Amino acid sequence: MDERGSRLSIFPLAGAILFPRSHLPLHIFEPRYRALVADALARDRRIAMIQPRDQKEPPALFDVGCVGRIEQVEALDDGRYNIVLEGLTRFRMLCEIDVTTPFRQIEASFAGFTDDAVQPPLPSVLRADLERESKRFAESRGYVVDWDAVGRLDDESLVNGIAQIAPFDVAAKQALLEVLTVPERADMLVQFLQFFRLEDDRDGGATLQ
């Protein structure tokens, strides 16, 4: 990929973050995003996921997102799609492009992200902390989890999977996306799992925003 000036079609979706080598299933029903998927399928199958900063129309965007490639697609009879994106690399938005398409497009840079590099393993203590805090968080929320299957995941799949599905607010999700390495993300996850669990116990809800 070119490091600068890459044109990306974006899907702004709060709470939905994609990481390199992770997968994100999406149900596409809005006409503008059905057009986005159709356009991506006709070109390079790439869609850029990015979180909105607010609830305005159109919403402002965070600076960092992740490009995904449509790995699986199911085209429904009524024009909707079920797709699965595979994460490729993160990007930093440079500017939004004035376009006539119903979906938004941006110019982005991939500089500063080494998402094709092999990630270092988690220290055993950090892995144990993450699994312990995940169990505590799940128990506090009443979630049913196959912990044997969780224990068999490699470090990157475990960290990014928790970051994707954890019911954190938009600001926390964005912080997890932007941290550079998997061990740093794991350490941040442990802190977030503790914070949100303890705040839930105190007053029934918490937010970093």
N, C-alpha and C. Protein backbone atom coordinates (compact mmCIF):
# COMPACT_ATOMS: atom_id res chain seq x y z
N MET A 1 0.84 -1.20 0.00
CA MET A 1 0.00 0.00 0.00
C MET A 1 0.87 1.25 0.00
N ASP A 2 0.40 2.27 -0.69
CA ASP A 2 1.11 3.53 -0.65
C ASP A 2 1.05 4.11 0.74
N GLU A 3 2.15 4.74 1.17
CA GLU A 3 2.18 5.27 2.52
C GLU A 3 1.34 6.54 2.67
N ARG A 4 1.23 7.31 1.58
CA ARG A 4 0.49 8.56 1.70
C ARG A 4 -0.47 8.70 0.53
N GLY A 5 -1.52 9.47 0.78
CA GLY A 5 -2.43 9.83 -0.29
C GLY A 5 -3.30 8.71 -0.78
N SER A 6 -3.56 7.71 0.03
CA SER A 6 -4.42 6.62 -0.38
C SER A 6 -5.88 7.02 -0.19
N ARG A 7 -6.69 6.79 -1.19
CA ARG A 7 -8.11 7.14 -1.14
C ARG A 7 -8.89 5.95 -0.60
N LEU A 8 -9.67 6.18 0.44
CA LEU A 8 -10.41 5.10 1.10
C LEU A 8 -11.88 5.46 1.21
N SER A 9 -12.74 4.49 0.96
CA SER A 9 -14.17 4.63 1.23
C SER A 9 -14.43 4.15 2.65
N ILE A 10 -15.18 4.94 3.43
CA ILE A 10 -15.27 4.68 4.86
C ILE A 10 -16.67 4.28 5.30
N PHE A 11 -16.69 3.48 6.35
CA PHE A 11 -17.92 3.09 7.03
C PHE A 11 -17.77 3.57 8.49
N PRO A 12 -18.31 4.74 8.83
CA PRO A 12 -18.22 5.22 10.22
C PRO A 12 -19.25 4.49 11.09
N LEU A 13 -18.76 3.79 12.10
CA LEU A 13 -19.65 3.01 12.95
C LEU A 13 -19.12 3.01 14.38
N ALA A 14 -19.87 3.61 15.29
CA ALA A 14 -19.45 3.72 16.68
C ALA A 14 -19.40 2.34 17.34
N GLY A 15 -18.32 2.09 18.06
CA GLY A 15 -18.19 0.85 18.81
C GLY A 15 -17.67 -0.32 18.01
N ALA A 16 -17.53 -0.16 16.69
CA ALA A 16 -17.06 -1.25 15.83
C ALA A 16 -15.63 -0.96 15.42
N ILE A 17 -14.68 -1.70 15.98
CA ILE A 17 -13.28 -1.50 15.63
C ILE A 17 -12.73 -2.78 15.01
N LEU A 18 -11.83 -2.57 14.07
CA LEU A 18 -11.20 -3.66 13.33
C LEU A 18 -9.69 -3.57 13.54
N PHE A 19 -9.06 -4.71 13.74
CA PHE A 19 -7.61 -4.77 13.89
C PHE A 19 -7.00 -5.59 12.75
N PRO A 20 -5.75 -5.33 12.41
CA PRO A 20 -5.08 -6.18 11.42
C PRO A 20 -5.16 -7.65 11.83
N ARG A 21 -5.52 -8.49 10.86
CA ARG A 21 -5.62 -9.95 11.02
C ARG A 21 -6.83 -10.39 11.85
N SER A 22 -7.66 -9.45 12.28
CA SER A 22 -8.89 -9.82 12.97
C SER A 22 -10.05 -9.78 11.97
N HIS A 23 -11.22 -10.24 12.41
CA HIS A 23 -12.38 -10.30 11.54
C HIS A 23 -13.56 -9.57 12.18
N LEU A 24 -14.35 -8.93 11.35
CA LEU A 24 -15.50 -8.16 11.83
C LEU A 24 -16.71 -8.47 10.96
N PRO A 25 -17.72 -9.17 11.51
CA PRO A 25 -18.95 -9.41 10.74
C PRO A 25 -19.85 -8.18 10.78
N LEU A 26 -20.46 -7.86 9.66
CA LEU A 26 -21.33 -6.69 9.56
C LEU A 26 -22.57 -7.03 8.75
N HIS A 27 -23.70 -6.50 9.22
CA HIS A 27 -24.95 -6.59 8.46
C HIS A 27 -25.19 -5.22 7.84
N ILE A 28 -25.23 -5.14 6.53
CA ILE A 28 -25.31 -3.88 5.81
C ILE A 28 -26.73 -3.69 5.29
N PHE A 29 -27.43 -2.66 5.79
CA PHE A 29 -28.81 -2.46 5.37
C PHE A 29 -29.12 -1.04 4.88
N GLU A 30 -28.36 -0.03 5.35
CA GLU A 30 -28.63 1.33 4.87
C GLU A 30 -28.24 1.46 3.40
N PRO A 31 -29.06 2.17 2.60
CA PRO A 31 -28.76 2.29 1.16
C PRO A 31 -27.36 2.81 0.87
N ARG A 32 -26.87 3.79 1.65
CA ARG A 32 -25.55 4.35 1.34
C ARG A 32 -24.44 3.34 1.58
N TYR A 33 -24.63 2.47 2.55
CA TYR A 33 -23.59 1.48 2.83
C TYR A 33 -23.76 0.23 1.97
N ARG A 34 -24.98 -0.02 1.49
CA ARG A 34 -25.14 -1.04 0.45
C ARG A 34 -24.40 -0.61 -0.81
N ALA A 35 -24.48 0.69 -1.12
CA ALA A 35 -23.73 1.22 -2.26
C ALA A 35 -22.23 1.12 -2.02
N LEU A 36 -21.80 1.34 -0.78
CA LEU A 36 -20.38 1.21 -0.43
C LEU A 36 -19.89 -0.20 -0.67
N VAL A 37 -20.64 -1.19 -0.22
CA VAL A 37 -20.23 -2.59 -0.40
C VAL A 37 -20.22 -2.95 -1.88
N ALA A 38 -21.24 -2.54 -2.62
CA ALA A 38 -21.28 -2.84 -4.05
C ALA A 38 -20.08 -2.24 -4.77
N ASP A 39 -19.73 -1.01 -4.41
CA ASP A 39 -18.58 -0.35 -5.01
C ASP A 39 -17.28 -1.08 -4.65
N ALA A 40 -17.15 -1.46 -3.39
CA ALA A 40 -15.94 -2.17 -2.96
C ALA A 40 -15.80 -3.51 -3.69
N LEU A 41 -16.89 -4.22 -3.85
CA LEU A 41 -16.84 -5.52 -4.53
C LEU A 41 -16.45 -5.36 -6.00
N ALA A 42 -16.82 -4.23 -6.59
CA ALA A 42 -16.49 -3.99 -7.99
C ALA A 42 -15.05 -3.53 -8.18
N ARG A 43 -14.40 -3.12 -7.10
CA ARG A 43 -13.03 -2.60 -7.20
C ARG A 43 -12.05 -3.52 -6.48
N ASP A 44 -11.65 -3.16 -5.27
CA ASP A 44 -10.58 -3.89 -4.58
C ASP A 44 -11.05 -4.58 -3.30
N ARG A 45 -12.36 -4.55 -3.05
CA ARG A 45 -12.98 -5.20 -1.88
C ARG A 45 -12.59 -4.55 -0.55
N ARG A 46 -12.00 -3.35 -0.60
CA ARG A 46 -11.55 -2.69 0.64
C ARG A 46 -12.60 -1.72 1.17
N ILE A 47 -12.81 -1.76 2.47
CA ILE A 47 -13.66 -0.81 3.19
C ILE A 47 -12.89 -0.36 4.43
N ALA A 48 -12.89 0.93 4.70
CA ALA A 48 -12.18 1.47 5.86
C ALA A 48 -13.16 1.70 7.00
N MET A 49 -12.90 1.05 8.13
CA MET A 49 -13.71 1.24 9.32
C MET A 49 -13.11 2.38 10.15
N ILE A 50 -13.97 3.28 10.61
CA ILE A 50 -13.53 4.39 11.43
C ILE A 50 -14.68 4.78 12.35
N GLN A 51 -14.37 5.22 13.55
CA GLN A 51 -15.42 5.59 14.50
C GLN A 51 -15.80 7.07 14.37
N PRO A 52 -17.09 7.38 14.47
CA PRO A 52 -17.50 8.79 14.55
C PRO A 52 -17.23 9.35 15.94
N ARG A 53 -16.90 10.64 15.98
CA ARG A 53 -16.65 11.31 17.25
C ARG A 53 -17.92 11.78 17.94
N ASP A 54 -18.98 12.01 17.16
CA ASP A 54 -20.21 12.57 17.71
C ASP A 54 -21.41 11.99 16.98
N GLN A 55 -22.59 12.52 17.26
CA GLN A 55 -23.81 12.00 16.66
C GLN A 55 -24.43 13.00 15.68
N LYS A 56 -23.61 13.93 15.21
CA LYS A 56 -24.10 14.88 14.21
C LYS A 56 -24.25 14.18 12.87
N GLU A 57 -24.84 14.87 11.90
CA GLU A 57 -24.99 14.30 10.57
C GLU A 57 -24.47 15.29 9.54
N PRO A 58 -23.36 15.02 8.88
CA PRO A 58 -22.53 13.84 9.09
C PRO A 58 -21.66 14.00 10.33
N PRO A 59 -21.32 12.90 11.00
CA PRO A 59 -20.52 13.01 12.22
C PRO A 59 -19.06 13.34 11.92
N ALA A 60 -18.42 14.03 12.87
CA ALA A 60 -16.97 14.17 12.82
C ALA A 60 -16.34 12.80 13.05
N LEU A 61 -15.11 12.64 12.60
CA LEU A 61 -14.46 11.33 12.64
C LEU A 61 -13.20 11.36 13.49
N PHE A 62 -12.90 10.24 14.13
CA PHE A 62 -11.60 10.08 14.76
C PHE A 62 -10.52 10.02 13.68
N ASP A 63 -9.29 10.22 14.08
CA ASP A 63 -8.20 10.29 13.11
C ASP A 63 -7.75 8.91 12.62
N VAL A 64 -7.89 7.89 13.47
CA VAL A 64 -7.31 6.57 13.15
C VAL A 64 -8.41 5.53 12.96
N GLY A 65 -8.26 4.75 11.90
CA GLY A 65 -9.17 3.64 11.64
C GLY A 65 -8.38 2.46 11.10
N CYS A 66 -9.08 1.48 10.54
CA CYS A 66 -8.42 0.29 10.00
C CYS A 66 -9.10 -0.12 8.70
N VAL A 67 -8.29 -0.41 7.70
CA VAL A 67 -8.81 -0.89 6.42
C VAL A 67 -9.08 -2.39 6.51
N GLY A 68 -10.22 -2.79 5.99
CA GLY A 68 -10.54 -4.21 5.93
C GLY A 68 -10.82 -4.64 4.50
N ARG A 69 -10.61 -5.90 4.23
CA ARG A 69 -10.94 -6.48 2.93
C ARG A 69 -12.12 -7.42 3.11
N ILE A 70 -13.11 -7.32 2.22
CA ILE A 70 -14.28 -8.19 2.30
C ILE A 70 -13.83 -9.62 2.01
N GLU A 71 -13.88 -10.43 3.07
CA GLU A 71 -13.43 -11.82 2.95
C GLU A 71 -14.60 -12.75 2.62
N GLN A 72 -15.75 -12.44 3.20
CA GLN A 72 -16.96 -13.22 2.93
C GLN A 72 -18.10 -12.25 2.64
N VAL A 73 -18.99 -12.62 1.74
CA VAL A 73 -20.13 -11.78 1.42
C VAL A 73 -21.34 -12.64 1.09
N GLU A 74 -22.47 -12.24 1.63
CA GLU A 74 -23.75 -12.85 1.31
C GLU A 74 -24.68 -11.73 0.85
N ALA A 75 -25.05 -11.74 -0.43
CA ALA A 75 -25.95 -10.73 -0.98
C ALA A 75 -27.38 -11.23 -0.83
N LEU A 76 -28.20 -10.51 -0.08
CA LEU A 76 -29.58 -10.90 0.17
C LEU A 76 -30.49 -10.38 -0.94
N ASP A 77 -31.64 -11.00 -1.07
CA ASP A 77 -32.54 -10.68 -2.18
C ASP A 77 -33.05 -9.25 -2.14
N ASP A 78 -33.13 -8.65 -0.95
CA ASP A 78 -33.66 -7.30 -0.82
C ASP A 78 -32.59 -6.22 -0.92
N GLY A 79 -31.36 -6.60 -1.28
CA GLY A 79 -30.30 -5.62 -1.45
C GLY A 79 -29.37 -5.47 -0.26
N ARG A 80 -29.72 -6.08 0.86
CA ARG A 80 -28.84 -6.04 2.03
C ARG A 80 -27.68 -7.02 1.84
N TYR A 81 -26.66 -6.85 2.68
CA TYR A 81 -25.50 -7.74 2.64
C TYR A 81 -25.16 -8.19 4.05
N ASN A 82 -24.67 -9.40 4.16
CA ASN A 82 -23.92 -9.85 5.32
C ASN A 82 -22.47 -10.03 4.85
N ILE A 83 -21.55 -9.34 5.51
CA ILE A 83 -20.15 -9.44 5.09
C ILE A 83 -19.26 -9.70 6.30
N VAL A 84 -18.07 -10.18 6.03
CA VAL A 84 -17.03 -10.31 7.05
C VAL A 84 -15.80 -9.60 6.51
N LEU A 85 -15.31 -8.63 7.28
CA LEU A 85 -14.09 -7.92 6.91
C LEU A 85 -12.90 -8.55 7.61
N GLU A 86 -11.82 -8.69 6.88
CA GLU A 86 -10.54 -9.09 7.47
C GLU A 86 -9.65 -7.86 7.55
N GLY A 87 -9.13 -7.55 8.75
CA GLY A 87 -8.33 -6.36 8.94
C GLY A 87 -7.00 -6.44 8.21
N LEU A 88 -6.62 -5.34 7.56
CA LEU A 88 -5.36 -5.27 6.82
C LEU A 88 -4.34 -4.40 7.53
N THR A 89 -4.64 -3.11 7.68
CA THR A 89 -3.71 -2.20 8.35
C THR A 89 -4.47 -0.97 8.82
N ARG A 90 -3.94 -0.36 9.87
CA ARG A 90 -4.52 0.89 10.34
C ARG A 90 -4.06 2.05 9.48
N PHE A 91 -4.77 3.15 9.59
CA PHE A 91 -4.44 4.34 8.81
C PHE A 91 -4.74 5.58 9.65
N ARG A 92 -4.18 6.69 9.23
CA ARG A 92 -4.49 7.99 9.83
C ARG A 92 -5.14 8.87 8.76
N MET A 93 -6.31 9.39 9.07
CA MET A 93 -7.02 10.23 8.12
C MET A 93 -6.29 11.56 7.94
N LEU A 94 -6.07 11.94 6.69
CA LEU A 94 -5.46 13.22 6.38
C LEU A 94 -6.51 14.28 6.11
N CYS A 95 -7.53 13.93 5.35
CA CYS A 95 -8.60 14.88 5.04
C CYS A 95 -9.76 14.10 4.43
N GLU A 96 -10.93 14.72 4.45
CA GLU A 96 -12.08 14.14 3.77
C GLU A 96 -12.14 14.69 2.36
N ILE A 97 -12.58 13.84 1.42
CA ILE A 97 -12.64 14.20 0.02
C ILE A 97 -14.08 14.56 -0.33
N ASP A 98 -14.25 15.61 -1.10
CA ASP A 98 -15.57 16.03 -1.57
C ASP A 98 -15.98 15.10 -2.71
N VAL A 99 -17.02 14.30 -2.48
CA VAL A 99 -17.42 13.29 -3.47
C VAL A 99 -18.92 13.36 -3.73
N THR A 100 -19.34 12.72 -4.79
CA THR A 100 -20.77 12.64 -5.12
C THR A 100 -21.37 11.29 -4.73
N THR A 101 -20.55 10.37 -4.27
CA THR A 101 -21.06 9.07 -3.85
C THR A 101 -21.88 9.22 -2.57
N PRO A 102 -22.83 8.33 -2.33
CA PRO A 102 -23.61 8.42 -1.09
C PRO A 102 -22.81 8.11 0.16
N PHE A 103 -21.68 7.44 0.02
CA PHE A 103 -20.80 7.14 1.14
C PHE A 103 -19.62 8.09 1.12
N ARG A 104 -19.02 8.30 2.29
CA ARG A 104 -17.93 9.25 2.43
C ARG A 104 -16.59 8.61 2.04
N GLN A 105 -15.67 9.46 1.59
CA GLN A 105 -14.33 9.02 1.22
C GLN A 105 -13.31 9.96 1.83
N ILE A 106 -12.15 9.40 2.13
CA ILE A 106 -11.08 10.18 2.76
C ILE A 106 -9.75 9.92 2.06
N GLU A 107 -8.80 10.80 2.31
CA GLU A 107 -7.41 10.56 1.96
C GLU A 107 -6.70 10.17 3.24
N ALA A 108 -5.91 9.12 3.19
CA ALA A 108 -5.32 8.56 4.41
C ALA A 108 -3.87 8.20 4.21
N SER A 109 -3.15 8.14 5.32
CA SER A 109 -1.75 7.72 5.34
C SER A 109 -1.61 6.47 6.19
N PHE A 110 -0.75 5.56 5.74
CA PHE A 110 -0.44 4.36 6.50
C PHE A 110 0.90 4.49 7.23
N ALA A 111 1.54 5.64 7.12
CA ALA A 111 2.83 5.85 7.76
C ALA A 111 2.71 5.76 9.28
N GLY A 112 3.68 5.14 9.91
CA GLY A 112 3.70 5.04 11.37
C GLY A 112 3.08 3.78 11.92
N PHE A 113 2.42 2.99 11.05
CA PHE A 113 1.82 1.74 11.49
C PHE A 113 2.58 0.58 10.85
N THR A 114 3.10 -0.30 11.67
CA THR A 114 3.83 -1.47 11.18
C THR A 114 2.99 -2.71 11.42
N ASP A 115 1.78 -2.69 10.86
CA ASP A 115 0.82 -3.74 11.17
C ASP A 115 1.10 -5.07 10.49
N ASP A 116 2.08 -5.09 9.57
CA ASP A 116 2.46 -6.36 8.97
C ASP A 116 3.60 -7.03 9.73
N ALA A 117 4.10 -6.37 10.78
CA ALA A 117 5.19 -6.94 11.57
C ALA A 117 4.67 -7.99 12.54
N VAL A 118 5.51 -8.97 12.84
CA VAL A 118 5.15 -10.00 13.83
C VAL A 118 5.10 -9.35 15.21
N GLN A 119 4.00 -9.59 15.92
CA GLN A 119 3.83 -8.99 17.23
C GLN A 119 4.58 -9.79 18.30
N PRO A 120 5.19 -9.11 19.26
CA PRO A 120 5.88 -9.83 20.33
C PRO A 120 4.87 -10.57 21.21
N PRO A 121 5.27 -11.70 21.80
CA PRO A 121 4.36 -12.43 22.68
C PRO A 121 4.10 -11.65 23.96
N LEU A 122 2.97 -11.94 24.58
CA LEU A 122 2.68 -11.33 25.87
C LEU A 122 3.53 -11.97 26.96
N PRO A 123 4.05 -11.18 27.87
CA PRO A 123 4.65 -11.78 29.07
C PRO A 123 3.62 -12.66 29.77
N SER A 124 4.06 -13.76 30.33
CA SER A 124 3.13 -14.71 30.94
C SER A 124 2.29 -14.06 32.04
N VAL A 125 2.89 -13.14 32.79
CA VAL A 125 2.15 -12.46 33.86
C VAL A 125 1.02 -11.61 33.27
N LEU A 126 1.29 -10.92 32.16
CA LEU A 126 0.28 -10.08 31.53
C LEU A 126 -0.84 -10.93 30.94
N ARG A 127 -0.48 -12.05 30.31
CA ARG A 127 -1.50 -12.96 29.78
C ARG A 127 -2.41 -13.46 30.91
N ALA A 128 -1.81 -13.84 32.03
CA ALA A 128 -2.58 -14.31 33.18
C ALA A 128 -3.48 -13.21 33.73
N ASP A 129 -2.96 -11.99 33.81
CA ASP A 129 -3.76 -10.85 34.29
C ASP A 129 -4.96 -10.61 33.37
N LEU A 130 -4.73 -10.68 32.06
CA LEU A 130 -5.80 -10.42 31.10
C LEU A 130 -6.89 -11.49 31.21
N GLU A 131 -6.50 -12.74 31.30
CA GLU A 131 -7.50 -13.80 31.41
C GLU A 131 -8.27 -13.67 32.73
N ARG A 132 -7.57 -13.35 33.81
CA ARG A 132 -8.24 -13.21 35.10
C ARG A 132 -9.23 -12.05 35.09
N GLU A 133 -8.82 -10.89 34.60
CA GLU A 133 -9.71 -9.74 34.58
C GLU A 133 -10.87 -9.93 33.61
N SER A 134 -10.63 -10.65 32.53
CA SER A 134 -11.72 -10.96 31.59
C SER A 134 -12.78 -11.82 32.26
N LYS A 135 -12.34 -12.81 33.03
CA LYS A 135 -13.29 -13.67 33.75
C LYS A 135 -14.08 -12.87 34.77
N ARG A 136 -13.40 -12.00 35.50
CA ARG A 136 -14.09 -11.19 36.50
C ARG A 136 -15.12 -10.27 35.85
N PHE A 137 -14.74 -9.67 34.74
CA PHE A 137 -15.64 -8.77 34.04
C PHE A 137 -16.86 -9.54 33.52
N ALA A 138 -16.61 -10.70 32.90
CA ALA A 138 -17.70 -11.49 32.35
C ALA A 138 -18.65 -11.95 33.45
N GLU A 139 -18.11 -12.38 34.57
CA GLU A 139 -18.96 -12.81 35.68
C GLU A 139 -19.79 -11.67 36.22
N SER A 140 -19.20 -10.46 36.28
CA SER A 140 -19.95 -9.31 36.80
C SER A 140 -21.10 -8.92 35.88
N ARG A 141 -20.96 -9.21 34.58
CA ARG A 141 -22.01 -8.89 33.61
C ARG A 141 -22.94 -10.07 33.33
N GLY A 142 -22.64 -11.23 33.88
CA GLY A 142 -23.46 -12.40 33.64
C GLY A 142 -23.25 -13.05 32.28
N TYR A 143 -22.08 -12.83 31.66
CA TYR A 143 -21.80 -13.41 30.36
C TYR A 143 -21.38 -14.87 30.52
N VAL A 144 -21.82 -15.70 29.58
CA VAL A 144 -21.42 -17.10 29.54
C VAL A 144 -20.30 -17.24 28.50
N VAL A 145 -19.14 -17.71 28.93
CA VAL A 145 -17.96 -17.77 28.07
C VAL A 145 -17.34 -19.16 28.14
N ASP A 146 -16.90 -19.67 26.99
CA ASP A 146 -16.16 -20.93 26.93
C ASP A 146 -14.70 -20.61 27.22
N TRP A 147 -14.31 -20.68 28.49
CA TRP A 147 -12.97 -20.26 28.87
C TRP A 147 -11.89 -21.22 28.38
N ASP A 148 -12.25 -22.50 28.16
CA ASP A 148 -11.28 -23.43 27.59
C ASP A 148 -10.89 -22.99 26.19
N ALA A 149 -11.88 -22.58 25.40
CA ALA A 149 -11.60 -22.10 24.04
C ALA A 149 -10.81 -20.80 24.09
N VAL A 150 -11.12 -19.93 25.03
CA VAL A 150 -10.39 -18.68 25.18
C VAL A 150 -8.92 -18.96 25.48
N GLY A 151 -8.68 -19.92 26.36
CA GLY A 151 -7.31 -20.23 26.75
C GLY A 151 -6.46 -20.77 25.61
N ARG A 152 -7.11 -21.29 24.55
CA ARG A 152 -6.36 -21.84 23.42
C ARG A 152 -6.03 -20.78 22.36
N LEU A 153 -6.56 -19.58 22.51
CA LEU A 153 -6.30 -18.52 21.53
C LEU A 153 -4.86 -18.03 21.64
N ASP A 154 -4.27 -17.67 20.50
CA ASP A 154 -2.97 -17.04 20.55
C ASP A 154 -3.12 -15.63 21.13
N ASP A 155 -2.01 -15.02 21.51
CA ASP A 155 -2.05 -13.74 22.22
C ASP A 155 -2.79 -12.66 21.42
N GLU A 156 -2.44 -12.53 20.15
CA GLU A 156 -3.03 -11.46 19.35
C GLU A 156 -4.53 -11.65 19.18
N SER A 157 -4.96 -12.87 18.90
CA SER A 157 -6.39 -13.15 18.74
C SER A 157 -7.15 -12.88 20.04
N LEU A 158 -6.55 -13.25 21.17
CA LEU A 158 -7.19 -13.03 22.46
C LEU A 158 -7.35 -11.54 22.73
N VAL A 159 -6.27 -10.79 22.59
CA VAL A 159 -6.30 -9.36 22.92
C VAL A 159 -7.26 -8.61 22.00
N ASN A 160 -7.12 -8.83 20.70
CA ASN A 160 -7.97 -8.09 19.77
C ASN A 160 -9.42 -8.54 19.83
N GLY A 161 -9.64 -9.81 20.10
CA GLY A 161 -11.02 -10.29 20.23
C GLY A 161 -11.73 -9.65 21.41
N ILE A 162 -11.05 -9.57 22.56
CA ILE A 162 -11.65 -8.91 23.73
C ILE A 162 -11.89 -7.44 23.45
N ALA A 163 -10.91 -6.78 22.82
CA ALA A 163 -11.05 -5.36 22.52
C ALA A 163 -12.25 -5.10 21.61
N GLN A 164 -12.51 -6.01 20.67
CA GLN A 164 -13.62 -5.83 19.74
C GLN A 164 -14.98 -6.02 20.42
N ILE A 165 -15.11 -7.03 21.26
CA ILE A 165 -16.44 -7.37 21.77
C ILE A 165 -16.77 -6.74 23.13
N ALA A 166 -15.76 -6.26 23.85
CA ALA A 166 -16.03 -5.68 25.17
C ALA A 166 -16.95 -4.46 25.03
N PRO A 167 -17.94 -4.32 25.90
CA PRO A 167 -18.92 -3.24 25.79
C PRO A 167 -18.40 -1.92 26.38
N PHE A 168 -17.25 -1.49 25.90
CA PHE A 168 -16.68 -0.23 26.35
C PHE A 168 -17.26 0.92 25.53
N ASP A 169 -17.04 2.15 26.00
CA ASP A 169 -17.52 3.30 25.25
C ASP A 169 -16.60 3.60 24.07
N VAL A 170 -17.03 4.54 23.24
CA VAL A 170 -16.31 4.86 22.01
C VAL A 170 -14.88 5.31 22.29
N ALA A 171 -14.70 6.13 23.32
CA ALA A 171 -13.36 6.64 23.64
C ALA A 171 -12.41 5.51 24.03
N ALA A 172 -12.89 4.56 24.82
CA ALA A 172 -12.05 3.43 25.22
C ALA A 172 -11.72 2.56 24.01
N LYS A 173 -12.72 2.31 23.17
CA LYS A 173 -12.48 1.51 21.97
C LYS A 173 -11.41 2.17 21.09
N GLN A 174 -11.51 3.49 20.95
CA GLN A 174 -10.55 4.20 20.11
C GLN A 174 -9.15 4.13 20.68
N ALA A 175 -9.04 4.26 21.99
CA ALA A 175 -7.72 4.15 22.63
C ALA A 175 -7.11 2.78 22.38
N LEU A 176 -7.91 1.74 22.44
CA LEU A 176 -7.41 0.38 22.18
C LEU A 176 -6.97 0.22 20.73
N LEU A 177 -7.68 0.85 19.82
CA LEU A 177 -7.31 0.78 18.42
C LEU A 177 -5.98 1.48 18.15
N GLU A 178 -5.76 2.61 18.79
CA GLU A 178 -4.62 3.44 18.45
C GLU A 178 -3.31 3.00 19.09
N VAL A 179 -3.37 2.24 20.18
CA VAL A 179 -2.13 1.81 20.82
C VAL A 179 -1.34 0.93 19.84
N LEU A 180 -0.01 1.08 19.83
CA LEU A 180 0.76 0.55 18.71
C LEU A 180 0.95 -0.96 18.72
N THR A 181 1.18 -1.57 19.88
CA THR A 181 1.52 -2.99 19.91
C THR A 181 0.49 -3.79 20.69
N VAL A 182 0.49 -5.10 20.44
CA VAL A 182 -0.45 -5.99 21.14
C VAL A 182 -0.18 -6.03 22.64
N PRO A 183 1.08 -6.13 23.11
CA PRO A 183 1.30 -6.10 24.56
C PRO A 183 0.81 -4.80 25.21
N GLU A 184 1.02 -3.66 24.55
CA GLU A 184 0.51 -2.39 25.09
C GLU A 184 -1.01 -2.42 25.14
N ARG A 185 -1.64 -3.00 24.11
CA ARG A 185 -3.10 -3.09 24.09
C ARG A 185 -3.60 -4.01 25.21
N ALA A 186 -2.88 -5.10 25.44
CA ALA A 186 -3.27 -6.02 26.51
C ALA A 186 -3.21 -5.33 27.87
N ASP A 187 -2.15 -4.56 28.10
CA ASP A 187 -2.02 -3.84 29.37
C ASP A 187 -3.16 -2.83 29.53
N MET A 188 -3.52 -2.12 28.46
CA MET A 188 -4.62 -1.17 28.51
C MET A 188 -5.94 -1.89 28.76
N LEU A 189 -6.11 -3.06 28.13
CA LEU A 189 -7.33 -3.83 28.33
C LEU A 189 -7.52 -4.23 29.78
N VAL A 190 -6.45 -4.68 30.42
CA VAL A 190 -6.53 -5.06 31.83
C VAL A 190 -7.04 -3.87 32.66
N GLN A 191 -6.48 -2.69 32.40
CA GLN A 191 -6.90 -1.49 33.13
C GLN A 191 -8.37 -1.15 32.86
N PHE A 192 -8.80 -1.25 31.59
CA PHE A 192 -10.19 -0.94 31.25
C PHE A 192 -11.15 -1.95 31.87
N LEU A 193 -10.80 -3.23 31.83
CA LEU A 193 -11.67 -4.26 32.41
C LEU A 193 -11.86 -4.01 33.91
N GLN A 194 -10.78 -3.63 34.58
CA GLN A 194 -10.89 -3.31 36.01
C GLN A 194 -11.73 -2.06 36.23
N PHE A 195 -11.46 -1.03 35.46
CA PHE A 195 -12.16 0.25 35.62
C PHE A 195 -13.66 0.10 35.41
N PHE A 196 -14.06 -0.49 34.30
CA PHE A 196 -15.49 -0.58 33.99
C PHE A 196 -16.20 -1.53 34.95
N ARG A 197 -15.53 -2.60 35.37
CA ARG A 197 -16.16 -3.52 36.32
C ARG A 197 -16.38 -2.83 37.67
N LEU A 198 -15.37 -2.14 38.16
CA LEU A 198 -15.48 -1.49 39.47
C LEU A 198 -16.47 -0.33 39.44
N GLU A 199 -16.49 0.43 38.34
CA GLU A 199 -17.44 1.52 38.23
C GLU A 199 -18.87 1.02 38.11
N ASP A 200 -19.07 -0.10 37.42
CA ASP A 200 -20.40 -0.71 37.36
C ASP A 200 -20.87 -1.09 38.76
N ASP A 201 -19.94 -1.64 39.55
CA ASP A 201 -20.30 -2.04 40.91
C ASP A 201 -20.70 -0.83 41.75
N ARG A 202 -20.04 0.31 41.49
CA ARG A 202 -20.29 1.49 42.32
C ARG A 202 -21.59 2.19 41.98
N ASP A 203 -21.75 2.48 40.67
CA ASP A 203 -22.90 3.33 40.34
C ASP A 203 -23.69 2.89 39.11
N GLY A 204 -23.45 1.66 38.64
CA GLY A 204 -24.26 1.16 37.56
C GLY A 204 -23.85 1.59 36.17
N GLY A 205 -22.71 2.24 36.02
CA GLY A 205 -22.29 2.63 34.70
C GLY A 205 -21.03 3.47 34.73
N ALA A 206 -20.27 3.42 33.64
CA ALA A 206 -19.04 4.18 33.58
C ALA A 206 -18.76 4.56 32.14
N THR A 207 -18.05 5.64 31.97
CA THR A 207 -17.63 6.07 30.64
C THR A 207 -16.33 6.82 30.76
N LEU A 208 -15.49 6.67 29.73
CA LEU A 208 -14.25 7.44 29.68
C LEU A 208 -14.43 8.75 28.93
N GLN A 209 -15.61 8.97 28.35
CA GLN A 209 -15.80 10.16 27.53
C GLN A 209 -16.14 11.36 28.39
